[in-house]
Protein backbone atom coordinates (compact mmCIF):
# COMPACT_ATOMS: atom_id res chain seq x y z
CA MET A 1 210.72 224.53 7.71
CA ARG A 2 211.61 221.10 6.39
CA LEU A 3 211.86 219.69 9.97
CA ALA A 4 208.44 221.20 10.73
CA CYS A 5 206.90 219.47 7.70
CA VAL A 6 208.51 216.15 8.57
CA THR A 7 207.31 216.35 12.19
CA ALA A 8 203.80 217.24 11.09
CA LEU A 9 203.79 214.18 8.77
CA VAL A 10 204.96 211.83 11.40
CA LEU A 11 202.29 213.18 13.80
CA ALA A 12 199.60 212.82 11.08
CA VAL A 13 200.59 209.32 10.04
CA GLY A 14 201.73 208.04 13.42
CA CYS A 15 204.76 206.16 14.43
CA GLY A 16 203.88 202.70 13.16
CA ASP A 17 201.03 202.21 15.69
CA LYS A 18 198.22 201.39 13.35
CA ALA A 19 194.79 201.19 14.74
CA PRO A 20 192.99 197.99 13.94
CA ALA A 21 190.28 198.08 11.33
CA ASP A 22 187.89 196.31 13.60
CA GLN A 23 187.72 194.09 16.63
CA TYR A 24 185.44 191.06 17.14
CA THR A 25 184.66 188.54 20.00
CA VAL A 26 183.81 185.15 18.66
CA ARG A 27 183.49 181.63 19.99
CA GLY A 28 185.03 178.57 18.25
CA ARG A 29 187.03 175.35 18.58
CA ILE A 30 190.77 175.15 18.24
CA ALA A 31 191.55 173.25 14.97
CA ALA A 32 195.37 173.37 15.19
CA MET A 33 198.10 174.64 17.45
CA PRO A 34 201.67 175.82 16.73
CA ALA A 35 203.91 173.04 15.71
CA GLY A 36 207.04 174.54 17.10
CA GLU A 37 208.60 177.63 18.56
CA GLN A 38 208.84 179.26 15.05
CA SER A 39 205.17 179.17 14.48
CA LYS A 40 203.00 181.03 16.94
CA GLU A 41 199.73 180.92 14.86
CA ILE A 42 196.65 179.05 15.86
CA ASP A 43 193.79 177.75 13.66
CA VAL A 44 190.33 178.26 15.07
CA HIS A 45 187.07 176.97 13.54
CA HIS A 46 184.96 180.04 14.60
CA GLU A 47 181.21 180.64 14.63
CA ALA A 48 179.70 183.04 12.09
CA ILE A 49 180.38 186.72 12.52
CA PRO A 50 177.33 188.54 11.10
CA THR A 51 178.89 192.05 11.79
CA TYR A 52 182.17 191.28 10.00
CA LYS A 53 183.45 194.25 7.85
CA HIS A 54 185.48 193.35 4.82
CA ARG A 55 188.47 195.29 3.55
CA ASP A 56 186.16 197.73 1.76
CA GLY A 57 184.54 198.64 5.05
CA LYS A 58 181.19 197.15 4.14
CA VAL A 59 179.43 194.70 6.55
CA ARG A 60 178.92 191.51 4.70
CA GLY A 61 179.33 189.04 7.57
CA MET A 62 181.42 185.96 7.63
CA ASP A 63 180.30 182.32 7.72
CA ALA A 64 181.65 179.86 10.26
CA MET A 65 185.06 178.75 9.02
CA VAL A 66 188.62 177.78 10.03
CA MET A 67 190.91 180.71 10.05
CA THR A 68 194.53 181.31 11.22
CA PHE A 69 195.20 183.84 14.01
CA ALA A 70 198.34 185.00 15.72
CA PRO A 71 198.37 185.84 19.50
CA ALA A 72 199.39 189.45 20.40
CA SER A 73 202.36 189.87 22.56
CA GLY A 74 201.55 188.80 26.00
CA VAL A 75 198.60 186.52 25.02
CA SER A 76 199.38 182.93 26.11
CA LEU A 77 198.20 179.74 24.46
CA THR A 78 199.42 177.71 27.30
CA GLY A 79 196.97 175.00 28.39
CA LEU A 80 195.03 175.17 25.19
CA ALA A 81 194.84 172.16 22.78
CA PRO A 82 193.14 171.17 19.54
CA GLY A 83 189.51 170.43 20.14
CA ASP A 84 189.18 172.99 22.94
CA PRO A 85 186.25 175.39 22.79
CA VAL A 86 187.29 178.97 23.23
CA GLU A 87 186.14 182.50 23.19
CA MET A 88 188.47 185.10 21.73
CA THR A 89 188.65 188.71 20.87
CA PHE A 90 190.66 189.49 17.81
CA GLU A 91 191.65 192.55 15.75
CA VAL A 92 191.71 192.86 11.99
CA ARG A 93 194.74 194.74 10.67
CA TRP A 94 194.41 194.63 6.84
CA ASP A 95 197.82 195.94 5.98
CA ASP A 96 199.87 194.00 8.65
CA HIS A 97 201.12 190.46 8.74
CA PRO A 98 199.58 188.76 10.48
CA ALA A 99 196.29 190.50 9.74
CA LEU A 100 194.22 188.65 12.44
CA VAL A 101 195.67 189.21 15.94
CA ILE A 102 194.12 187.59 19.10
CA GLN A 103 193.96 190.16 21.99
CA ARG A 104 192.31 187.72 24.37
CA ILE A 105 191.52 184.03 24.48
CA GLN A 106 189.90 181.88 27.11
CA GLU A 107 188.89 178.29 27.26
CA LEU A 108 185.16 177.56 27.51
CA PRO A 109 183.56 174.55 29.26
CA PRO A 110 184.11 171.33 27.24
CA ASP A 111 180.33 170.83 26.76
CA THR A 112 179.89 174.30 25.18
CA GLN A 113 177.59 174.02 22.20
CA LEU A 114 179.04 175.92 19.15
CA GLN A 115 177.42 176.74 15.80
CA LEU A 116 180.12 175.73 13.41
CA ALA A 117 178.16 174.56 10.35
CA PRO A 118 178.50 176.81 7.33
């Protein structure tokens, strides 16, 4: 009986594979890149995200700002540099660290016009 309860709990909670709270695709400009092999995070000055849901689940949007993101396993930052315009898709995982995880990133043409003012 105890084994059945534990098994049911594991199936209900999952095995550590938390679904992201939300996923967004946004354009922005790379503000800073990792300084060394220990840091894999990237700072991006992104455009406003009007559909952004906050931790409470309410859509309040987010102004354009610089935020720190971590690339997911298998997402390469090779060839990117500060100042490059990019489009990226990221997941929000409120209870994880890092909470903002890039699932896809691609460089945009250098003359891409971005709306980065607050």
